[in-house]
Amino acid sequence: MNVMVERSRIIKPLNDTTSHLAATHIPLSVFDKVTFDAHIAAIYAYHPPTPPTCVIELGLQKTLAIYPEMAGRLGKDENGNFVIFLNDKGVRFIEAKVESALDHSILLKPSPVLLTLHPTFKDEDDVIQIQITRFTCGSMVIGFGIHDQVADGRSVSSFLVAWGRVTREVGVNSLPFRDRTVDTPRSPPFMEYEHEDSEFMSKRVKIEYLLDETLQIQKDVVVENFHFTQEFLTKLKAIASSKNVQDKPYSTFQSLVAHLWRVMTRARNLHGSETTLIRIAIDGHMRLIPRASDEHFGVLWALPTAKVEDLLCESLPHATKLIHDAIIKVKKDYFRSIVDFADDEAIEGDLIPTTNTNKPIFLPDLEVESWLSFPAHNLDFGTGGPFSFMPSFYSVEGMILLVPSSTREGGIDAFIPLLKDNLPTFRKFCYAIDFMQPH
């Protein structure tokens, strides 16, 4: 697919549409600092008819006036603290075209061709970048990329939905949340949880991968999209909850993640004595009291751990309980504890975030990100929401991303990068609900 860039420019906020903030910058919270220092990208595909680009662009300008941090830049203030400068430098806006109809198959299986449908962020310091690609059939694809430290998934979703609403001239439901008092450390600080080796690690143990090593590993990695129907998920949840002594069954998310953890561990052919860990992103929005608004930035991780032999020889309910118990531990007190810990010592000196790594492979561990609650199909510019929503192509082995399926029947799509040699075994057990019973 030959994507031809027709125009690339900087779009700035239309600041006469709303009152501008008096502040010159917004400090990054501890939650921003411990997340990945990288850009993430998503793809939204639309059937014709679609609005003219000028209409979408005007809506973006007006929305940036409401969300000026999205048109700002990351940097350090006079005290050396990381902040978002509210300098209205704007966002990169690219118009592109393809001289053919949209081949829907590229939206079914992740491949490097997706990288041509959004900006690269190479040698750019923009917080967000946007590309609109149009096809001869009238279809339109929007590639959206954002720096992960500027906004978490919930916050990005709020911005995108607002962009659609402003473009349709129906107004924004709620304004961005900028009150960082929930991130203020207590006096005296009270660190009741251990945060070293979870959110932070010593600089001395950081492993740097050389470029040649990374490229070689990436050559051995394939990214597959595994679709789980609603029927399969219902059965999976029932089996996962069959030994739960509580009245409430485990969630569909917990059940599926436990299943994928076991299947991935089986496919990797790890030694039984090895330990495997799975990092699960946890949204702090529902765990902070008073409860933060939808635009609050705050993600930490649950870290269930197991011996390989235990994970595989025990049944699915065992793995699901490990995940459930680890998730419920990450509650209000845990979020308050890390705020105090980071302010007291972690950002200074020897400790750095555990996300501060360039590793291209998570083996024997896993990372799971969920986009299941994102209102992606509400990104409507006036002619309906996207018929397809998916992440861009990424090839970090063991980095699993869960997305609501775009099929009419619903379900969940799991985008899973894994080593080529492990793919046959993964396929064999992927749809076997409880593939190994206890010895």
Protein backbone atom coordinates (compact mmCIF):
# COMPACT_ATOMS: atom_id res chain seq x y z
CA MET A 1 0.00 0.00 0.00
CA ASN A 2 1.51 3.28 -1.13
CA VAL A 3 0.59 6.08 1.28
CA MET A 4 1.34 9.49 -0.20
CA VAL A 5 1.61 12.48 2.13
CA GLU A 6 -0.11 15.48 0.58
CA ARG A 7 0.29 18.00 3.35
CA SER A 8 1.97 18.21 6.76
CA ARG A 9 1.55 21.16 9.07
CA ILE A 10 1.19 22.33 12.67
CA ILE A 11 -2.34 22.90 13.98
CA LYS A 12 -2.64 25.31 16.92
CA PRO A 13 -5.51 25.93 19.35
CA LEU A 14 -8.24 28.36 18.39
CA ASN A 15 -7.93 30.21 21.67
CA ASP A 16 -10.73 32.69 21.12
CA THR A 17 -13.24 29.86 21.61
CA THR A 18 -12.64 29.52 25.36
CA SER A 19 -10.77 31.19 28.19
CA HIS A 20 -7.10 30.24 28.23
CA LEU A 21 -5.36 28.93 31.33
CA ALA A 22 -3.36 31.39 33.37
CA ALA A 23 -0.80 28.71 34.22
CA THR A 24 2.31 28.30 32.06
CA HIS A 25 2.74 24.60 32.73
CA ILE A 26 1.22 21.51 34.35
CA PRO A 27 3.49 19.35 36.53
CA LEU A 28 3.65 15.64 35.79
CA SER A 29 2.26 13.53 38.62
CA VAL A 30 4.09 10.50 39.98
CA PHE A 31 1.70 8.36 37.92
CA ASP A 32 2.81 10.14 34.76
CA LYS A 33 6.46 9.70 35.66
CA VAL A 34 6.31 5.96 36.27
CA THR A 35 4.56 5.14 33.01
CA PHE A 36 6.26 4.48 29.68
CA ASP A 37 8.35 7.28 28.20
CA ALA A 38 7.09 6.53 24.70
CA HIS A 39 4.42 7.34 22.15
CA ILE A 40 1.48 5.02 21.52
CA ALA A 41 -0.65 4.99 18.39
CA ALA A 42 -4.13 3.79 17.46
CA ILE A 43 -5.98 3.38 14.17
CA TYR A 44 -9.61 4.43 13.54
CA ALA A 45 -11.22 3.46 10.21
CA TYR A 46 -14.42 5.02 8.84
CA HIS A 47 -16.83 4.00 6.10
CA PRO A 48 -17.97 6.68 3.64
CA PRO A 49 -19.39 9.23 3.70
CA THR A 50 -16.88 11.05 5.88
CA PRO A 51 -16.64 14.75 6.81
CA PRO A 52 -14.28 17.08 4.91
CA THR A 53 -10.84 17.40 6.44
CA CYS A 54 -11.35 21.12 7.01
CA VAL A 55 -14.32 20.37 9.31
CA ILE A 56 -12.31 17.82 11.32
CA GLU A 57 -9.37 20.24 11.51
CA LEU A 58 -11.52 23.10 12.82
CA GLY A 59 -12.97 20.79 15.46
CA LEU A 60 -9.42 19.86 16.48
CA GLN A 61 -8.41 23.53 16.84
CA LYS A 62 -11.38 24.21 19.09
CA THR A 63 -10.74 21.09 21.16
CA LEU A 64 -7.08 21.98 21.66
CA ALA A 65 -8.27 25.25 23.21
CA ILE A 66 -10.10 23.18 25.82
CA TYR A 67 -7.17 20.76 26.22
CA PRO A 68 -4.12 23.08 25.80
CA GLU A 69 -1.79 20.45 27.30
CA MET A 70 -2.31 18.43 24.11
CA ALA A 71 -0.84 21.33 22.12
CA GLY A 72 2.03 21.80 24.56
CA ARG A 73 5.44 20.22 25.00
CA LEU A 74 7.09 18.03 27.61
CA GLY A 75 10.11 19.52 29.36
CA LYS A 76 11.62 20.59 32.69
CA ASP A 77 10.82 23.71 34.69
CA GLU A 78 13.36 25.95 36.41
CA ASN A 79 13.59 23.48 39.29
CA GLY A 80 14.30 20.51 37.05
CA ASN A 81 10.83 18.99 37.45
CA PHE A 82 9.13 17.38 34.45
CA VAL A 83 6.14 19.40 33.27
CA ILE A 84 3.87 19.95 30.29
CA PHE A 85 4.44 23.47 28.99
CA LEU A 86 1.21 25.15 27.90
CA ASN A 87 2.92 27.00 25.05
CA ASP A 88 0.42 26.33 22.23
CA LYS A 89 3.13 25.00 19.94
CA GLY A 90 0.47 22.82 18.35
CA VAL A 91 0.17 19.31 16.97
CA ARG A 92 1.45 17.72 13.79
CA PHE A 93 -1.43 17.23 11.35
CA ILE A 94 -0.80 15.15 8.23
CA GLU A 95 -3.08 14.65 5.24
CA ALA A 96 -2.35 11.59 3.10
CA LYS A 97 -4.00 9.53 0.39
CA VAL A 98 -3.89 6.07 -1.15
CA GLU A 99 -4.75 5.64 -4.83
CA SER A 100 -6.85 2.54 -4.20
CA ALA A 101 -9.77 1.34 -2.15
CA LEU A 102 -9.21 0.47 1.51
CA ASP A 103 -8.20 -3.17 1.82
CA HIS A 104 -10.08 -4.22 4.96
CA SER A 105 -7.71 -7.16 5.48
CA ILE A 106 -5.02 -4.79 6.80
CA LEU A 107 -7.35 -4.05 9.71
CA LEU A 108 -7.70 -7.72 10.62
CA LYS A 109 -4.08 -8.77 11.07
CA PRO A 110 -1.40 -6.51 12.59
CA SER A 111 1.42 -5.78 10.17
CA PRO A 112 4.04 -3.07 9.58
CA VAL A 113 1.75 -1.49 6.94
CA LEU A 114 -0.19 0.06 9.84
CA LEU A 115 2.88 2.19 10.60
CA THR A 116 2.23 4.13 7.39
CA LEU A 117 -1.22 5.19 8.64
CA HIS A 118 0.00 7.35 11.51
CA PRO A 119 2.91 9.76 12.12
CA THR A 120 6.23 8.30 13.18
CA PHE A 121 7.16 10.80 15.93
CA LYS A 122 10.73 10.52 14.70
CA ASP A 123 12.76 13.60 15.69
CA GLU A 124 9.55 15.34 16.79
CA ASP A 125 8.65 16.67 20.24
CA ASP A 126 4.91 17.00 19.68
CA VAL A 127 2.70 15.64 22.45
CA ILE A 128 0.22 14.31 19.89
CA GLN A 129 0.32 13.77 16.14
CA ILE A 130 -2.54 12.99 13.78
CA GLN A 131 -2.73 11.62 10.25
CA ILE A 132 -5.82 11.46 8.06
CA THR A 133 -5.51 9.04 5.16
CA ARG A 134 -8.21 8.92 2.49
CA PHE A 135 -8.89 6.13 0.00
CA THR A 136 -10.52 6.17 -3.43
CA CYS A 137 -13.55 4.27 -2.08
CA GLY A 138 -14.32 7.18 0.25
CA SER A 139 -13.07 5.44 3.38
CA MET A 140 -10.98 7.40 5.85
CA VAL A 141 -8.41 6.25 8.40
CA ILE A 142 -7.30 8.41 11.31
CA GLY A 143 -3.98 7.53 12.89
CA PHE A 144 -3.62 9.09 16.34
CA GLY A 145 -0.45 9.05 18.42
CA ILE A 146 0.23 10.50 21.87
CA HIS A 147 3.00 10.49 24.44
CA ASP A 148 2.07 8.05 27.20
CA GLN A 149 3.20 10.35 30.02
CA VAL A 150 0.82 13.13 28.99
CA ALA A 151 -2.41 11.16 29.36
CA ASP A 152 -3.55 7.67 30.26
CA GLY A 153 -6.11 5.76 28.22
CA ARG A 154 -9.13 7.20 29.99
CA SER A 155 -7.86 10.75 29.53
CA VAL A 156 -7.05 10.18 25.84
CA SER A 157 -10.54 8.79 25.31
CA SER A 158 -12.07 11.89 26.89
CA PHE A 159 -10.04 14.12 24.55
CA LEU A 160 -10.99 12.12 21.45
CA VAL A 161 -14.69 12.01 22.33
CA ALA A 162 -14.57 15.77 22.97
CA TRP A 163 -12.95 16.28 19.55
CA GLY A 164 -15.82 14.46 17.91
CA ARG A 165 -18.47 16.35 19.90
CA VAL A 166 -16.91 19.75 19.22
CA THR A 167 -16.70 18.91 15.51
CA ARG A 168 -20.41 18.01 15.56
CA GLU A 169 -21.09 21.25 17.49
CA VAL A 170 -22.89 19.47 20.33
CA GLY A 171 -20.63 20.65 23.16
CA VAL A 172 -18.33 18.85 25.61
CA ASN A 173 -19.84 16.90 28.51
CA SER A 174 -17.06 17.69 31.00
CA LEU A 175 -13.93 19.80 31.11
CA PRO A 176 -10.44 18.37 31.64
CA PHE A 177 -9.42 17.55 35.22
CA ARG A 178 -6.32 19.49 36.28
CA ASP A 179 -6.57 19.44 40.08
CA ARG A 180 -3.48 17.52 41.17
CA THR A 181 -4.25 17.75 44.91
CA VAL A 182 -4.95 14.01 44.90
CA ASP A 183 -1.28 13.61 43.98
CA THR A 184 -0.04 15.72 46.90
CA PRO A 185 2.09 13.73 49.38
CA ARG A 186 0.98 13.45 52.98
CA SER A 187 2.86 15.03 55.88
CA PRO A 188 4.43 13.05 57.34
CA PRO A 189 4.73 10.54 54.49
CA PHE A 190 3.42 7.02 55.07
CA MET A 191 4.86 4.34 52.76
CA GLU A 192 2.90 1.25 53.78
CA TYR A 193 3.78 -0.72 50.62
CA GLU A 194 7.04 -1.70 48.93
CA HIS A 195 7.48 0.18 45.64
CA GLU A 196 11.06 -0.73 44.78
CA ASP A 197 11.16 -3.53 42.19
CA SER A 198 7.52 -2.83 41.30
CA GLU A 199 7.18 0.79 40.10
CA PHE A 200 10.87 1.65 40.65
CA MET A 201 14.18 -0.12 40.25
CA SER A 202 17.84 0.63 40.77
CA LYS A 203 19.69 2.23 37.88
CA ARG A 204 22.35 -0.43 38.37
CA VAL A 205 20.06 -3.29 37.32
CA LYS A 206 18.74 -1.65 34.16
CA ILE A 207 19.53 -3.73 31.10
CA GLU A 208 20.33 -1.80 27.96
CA TYR A 209 19.66 -3.61 24.69
CA LEU A 210 21.88 -2.73 21.77
CA LEU A 211 20.19 -1.74 18.52
CA ASP A 212 21.43 -4.85 16.73
CA GLU A 213 20.05 -7.07 19.51
CA THR A 214 16.68 -5.34 19.37
CA LEU A 215 16.42 -5.62 15.59
CA GLN A 216 17.31 -9.32 15.68
CA ILE A 217 14.69 -10.08 18.33
CA GLN A 218 12.07 -8.07 16.45
CA LYS A 219 12.75 -10.15 13.32
CA ASP A 220 11.80 -13.26 15.32
CA VAL A 221 8.57 -11.74 16.66
CA VAL A 222 5.18 -11.98 14.98
CA VAL A 223 2.06 -10.10 16.08
CA GLU A 224 -1.23 -11.96 15.92
CA ASN A 225 -4.82 -10.92 16.58
CA PHE A 226 -6.76 -13.62 18.45
CA HIS A 227 -10.53 -13.09 18.51
CA PHE A 228 -12.55 -14.36 21.46
CA THR A 229 -16.29 -14.58 20.92
CA GLN A 230 -18.80 -13.65 23.59
CA GLU A 231 -19.82 -17.32 23.80
CA PHE A 232 -16.22 -18.41 24.47
CA LEU A 233 -15.73 -15.66 27.06
CA THR A 234 -18.91 -16.66 28.91
CA LYS A 235 -17.73 -20.28 29.16
CA LEU A 236 -14.23 -19.17 30.15
CA LYS A 237 -15.57 -16.95 32.94
CA ALA A 238 -17.79 -19.75 34.28
CA ILE A 239 -14.88 -22.21 34.49
CA ALA A 240 -12.50 -19.60 35.92
CA SER A 241 -15.04 -18.79 38.67
CA SER A 242 -16.02 -22.40 39.40
CA LYS A 243 -13.84 -22.61 42.53
CA ASN A 244 -14.37 -19.05 43.72
CA VAL A 245 -15.59 -19.18 47.32
CA GLN A 246 -17.03 -15.67 47.01
CA ASP A 247 -20.55 -15.11 45.71
CA LYS A 248 -19.38 -12.79 42.94
CA PRO A 249 -17.71 -14.46 39.91
CA TYR A 250 -14.39 -13.25 38.58
CA SER A 251 -14.56 -10.67 35.80
CA THR A 252 -14.31 -11.51 32.12
CA PHE A 253 -11.07 -9.51 32.01
CA GLN A 254 -9.50 -11.46 34.89
CA SER A 255 -10.59 -14.78 33.41
CA LEU A 256 -9.21 -14.01 29.94
CA VAL A 257 -5.91 -12.63 31.25
CA ALA A 258 -5.44 -15.75 33.40
CA HIS A 259 -6.10 -17.93 30.36
CA LEU A 260 -3.64 -15.99 28.18
CA TRP A 261 -1.01 -16.08 30.93
CA ARG A 262 -1.22 -19.89 31.03
CA VAL A 263 -1.30 -20.32 27.25
CA MET A 264 1.63 -17.96 26.72
CA THR A 265 3.62 -19.71 29.45
CA ARG A 266 2.90 -23.09 27.85
CA ALA A 267 3.89 -21.82 24.40
CA ARG A 268 7.19 -20.41 25.65
CA ASN A 269 8.26 -23.84 26.94
CA LEU A 270 9.69 -22.38 30.15
CA HIS A 271 11.35 -24.52 32.82
CA GLY A 272 9.00 -25.42 35.66
CA SER A 273 11.21 -23.81 38.30
CA GLU A 274 11.17 -20.40 36.58
CA THR A 275 9.05 -17.58 37.92
CA THR A 276 6.71 -15.70 35.60
CA LEU A 277 5.15 -12.33 36.38
CA ILE A 278 2.36 -10.48 34.62
CA ARG A 279 2.07 -6.68 34.83
CA ILE A 280 -1.55 -5.56 34.64
CA ALA A 281 -2.35 -1.87 34.26
CA ILE A 282 -4.78 -0.65 36.96
CA ASP A 283 -6.77 2.55 36.58
CA GLY A 284 -6.65 4.74 39.69
CA HIS A 285 -9.80 6.61 38.74
CA MET A 286 -12.14 4.28 40.65
CA ARG A 287 -9.73 3.75 43.56
CA LEU A 288 -9.12 7.32 44.68
CA ILE A 289 -11.38 8.84 47.33
CA PRO A 290 -12.62 11.46 46.71
CA ARG A 291 -13.09 9.88 43.30
CA ALA A 292 -11.25 11.64 40.48
CA SER A 293 -13.02 12.69 37.32
CA ASP A 294 -12.74 10.78 34.05
CA GLU A 295 -9.80 12.96 33.01
CA HIS A 296 -7.61 12.12 36.00
CA PHE A 297 -4.27 10.61 35.03
CA GLY A 298 -3.38 7.64 37.22
CA VAL A 299 -2.28 4.13 36.28
CA LEU A 300 -0.28 1.65 38.33
CA TRP A 301 0.21 -2.10 37.99
CA ALA A 302 -0.89 -5.28 39.69
CA LEU A 303 1.90 -7.86 39.64
CA PRO A 304 0.65 -11.44 40.09
CA THR A 305 3.52 -13.94 40.13
CA ALA A 306 3.72 -17.72 39.90
CA LYS A 307 6.11 -20.58 39.39
CA VAL A 308 5.73 -21.99 35.89
CA GLU A 309 5.00 -25.51 37.14
CA ASP A 310 2.29 -24.22 39.50
CA LEU A 311 0.69 -22.07 36.82
CA LEU A 312 0.46 -24.96 34.35
CA CYS A 313 -0.25 -27.85 36.69
CA GLU A 314 -2.98 -26.02 38.55
CA SER A 315 -6.23 -25.26 36.73
CA LEU A 316 -7.59 -22.00 35.32
CA PRO A 317 -9.39 -21.00 38.59
CA HIS A 318 -6.01 -20.99 40.38
CA ALA A 319 -4.46 -18.55 37.87
CA THR A 320 -7.57 -16.35 37.92
CA LYS A 321 -7.46 -16.14 41.72
CA LEU A 322 -3.81 -15.05 41.58
CA ILE A 323 -4.78 -12.22 39.24
CA HIS A 324 -7.89 -11.24 41.19
CA ASP A 325 -6.01 -11.10 44.50
CA ALA A 326 -3.19 -9.02 43.02
CA ILE A 327 -5.63 -6.53 41.47
CA ILE A 328 -7.66 -5.92 44.62
CA LYS A 329 -4.46 -5.11 46.53
CA VAL A 330 -3.92 -2.05 44.33
CA LYS A 331 -6.42 0.19 46.10
CA LYS A 332 -6.63 3.74 47.43
CA ASP A 333 -3.98 3.20 50.12
CA TYR A 334 -1.54 1.80 47.55
CA PHE A 335 -1.94 4.87 45.32
CA ARG A 336 -1.43 7.19 48.32
CA SER A 337 1.63 5.20 49.37
CA ILE A 338 3.40 5.60 46.04
CA VAL A 339 2.73 9.35 46.04
CA ASP A 340 4.53 9.60 49.38
CA PHE A 341 7.30 7.23 48.32
CA ALA A 342 8.07 9.11 45.09
CA ASP A 343 8.12 12.48 46.82
CA ASP A 344 10.31 11.19 49.62
CA GLU A 345 13.13 9.56 47.68
CA ALA A 346 12.41 7.54 44.56
CA ILE A 347 12.64 10.13 41.81
CA GLU A 348 15.99 11.30 43.15
CA GLY A 349 19.15 9.29 43.50
CA ASP A 350 19.52 5.68 42.52
CA LEU A 351 15.95 4.73 41.58
CA ILE A 352 14.28 4.98 38.18
CA PRO A 353 10.86 3.78 36.94
CA THR A 354 10.73 0.10 36.00
CA THR A 355 9.19 1.22 32.69
CA ASN A 356 12.46 3.00 31.88
CA THR A 357 13.69 0.22 29.64
CA ASN A 358 14.11 -0.45 25.95
CA LYS A 359 13.75 -4.23 26.18
CA PRO A 360 12.16 -5.79 23.08
CA ILE A 361 11.12 -8.96 24.91
CA PHE A 362 9.29 -9.59 28.21
CA LEU A 363 9.96 -13.34 28.42
CA PRO A 364 9.34 -14.99 30.91
CA ASP A 365 6.98 -12.18 31.97
CA LEU A 366 3.99 -10.50 30.35
CA GLU A 367 2.52 -7.00 30.19
CA VAL A 368 -1.22 -6.52 29.71
CA GLU A 369 -2.94 -3.30 28.70
CA SER A 370 -6.71 -3.10 28.40
CA TRP A 371 -8.55 -0.76 26.02
CA LEU A 372 -11.82 -2.54 26.73
CA SER A 373 -13.44 0.42 28.48
CA PHE A 374 -12.39 3.02 25.91
CA PRO A 375 -15.38 4.58 24.09
CA ALA A 376 -13.53 4.34 20.77
CA HIS A 377 -16.70 4.11 18.70
CA ASN A 378 -17.83 7.47 20.11
CA LEU A 379 -15.18 9.25 18.04
CA ASP A 380 -17.89 10.52 15.72
CA PHE A 381 -17.26 13.59 13.54
CA GLY A 382 -20.81 13.73 12.25
CA THR A 383 -21.18 10.73 9.97
CA GLY A 384 -20.91 7.93 12.53
CA GLY A 385 -18.17 6.32 14.58
CA PRO A 386 -15.33 4.13 13.27
CA PHE A 387 -16.14 0.65 12.01
CA SER A 388 -12.70 -0.53 13.14
CA PHE A 389 -10.48 0.45 16.06
CA MET A 390 -7.11 -1.16 16.76
CA PRO A 391 -3.59 -0.48 17.98
CA SER A 392 -0.81 0.17 15.53
CA PHE A 393 1.82 -2.47 14.86
CA TYR A 394 4.20 -3.09 17.75
CA SER A 395 6.60 -5.99 18.17
CA VAL A 396 7.55 -6.16 21.85
CA GLU A 397 7.29 -9.86 22.72
CA GLY A 398 4.83 -10.47 25.57
CA MET A 399 3.11 -7.06 25.41
CA ILE A 400 -0.59 -8.02 25.20
CA LEU A 401 -3.25 -5.48 24.30
CA LEU A 402 -6.97 -6.21 24.71
CA VAL A 403 -9.43 -4.29 22.53
CA PRO A 404 -13.22 -4.51 22.14
CA SER A 405 -13.92 -6.38 18.93
CA SER A 406 -15.28 -4.37 16.01
CA THR A 407 -17.32 -7.34 14.79
CA ARG A 408 -21.11 -7.16 14.96
CA GLU A 409 -21.15 -10.06 17.43
CA GLY A 410 -18.82 -8.31 19.87
CA GLY A 411 -16.23 -10.13 21.93
CA ILE A 412 -12.59 -9.24 22.57
CA ASP A 413 -9.57 -9.05 20.27
CA ALA A 414 -6.20 -9.81 21.85
CA PHE A 415 -3.17 -8.40 20.01
CA ILE A 416 -0.26 -10.59 21.03
CA PRO A 417 3.41 -10.31 19.93
CA LEU A 418 5.24 -13.60 20.38
CA LEU A 419 8.26 -15.43 19.01
CA LYS A 420 7.62 -17.26 15.74
CA ASP A 421 8.73 -20.59 17.21
CA ASN A 422 6.11 -20.27 19.97
CA LEU A 423 3.18 -19.47 17.66
CA PRO A 424 2.13 -23.07 16.76
CA THR A 425 1.83 -24.09 20.42
CA PHE A 426 -0.02 -20.89 21.28
CA ARG A 427 -2.54 -21.54 18.50
CA LYS A 428 -3.00 -25.12 19.69
CA PHE A 429 -4.02 -24.13 23.23
CA CYS A 430 -5.49 -20.66 22.67
CA TYR A 431 -9.10 -21.86 22.44
CA ALA A 432 -8.77 -24.81 24.83
CA ILE A 433 -10.54 -23.35 27.85
CA ASP A 434 -8.79 -25.34 30.56
CA PHE A 435 -6.05 -27.20 28.75
CA MET A 436 -4.24 -28.72 31.70
CA GLN A 437 -5.72 -30.17 34.89
CA PRO A 438 -3.81 -30.56 38.17
CA HIS A 439 -1.55 -33.58 38.56
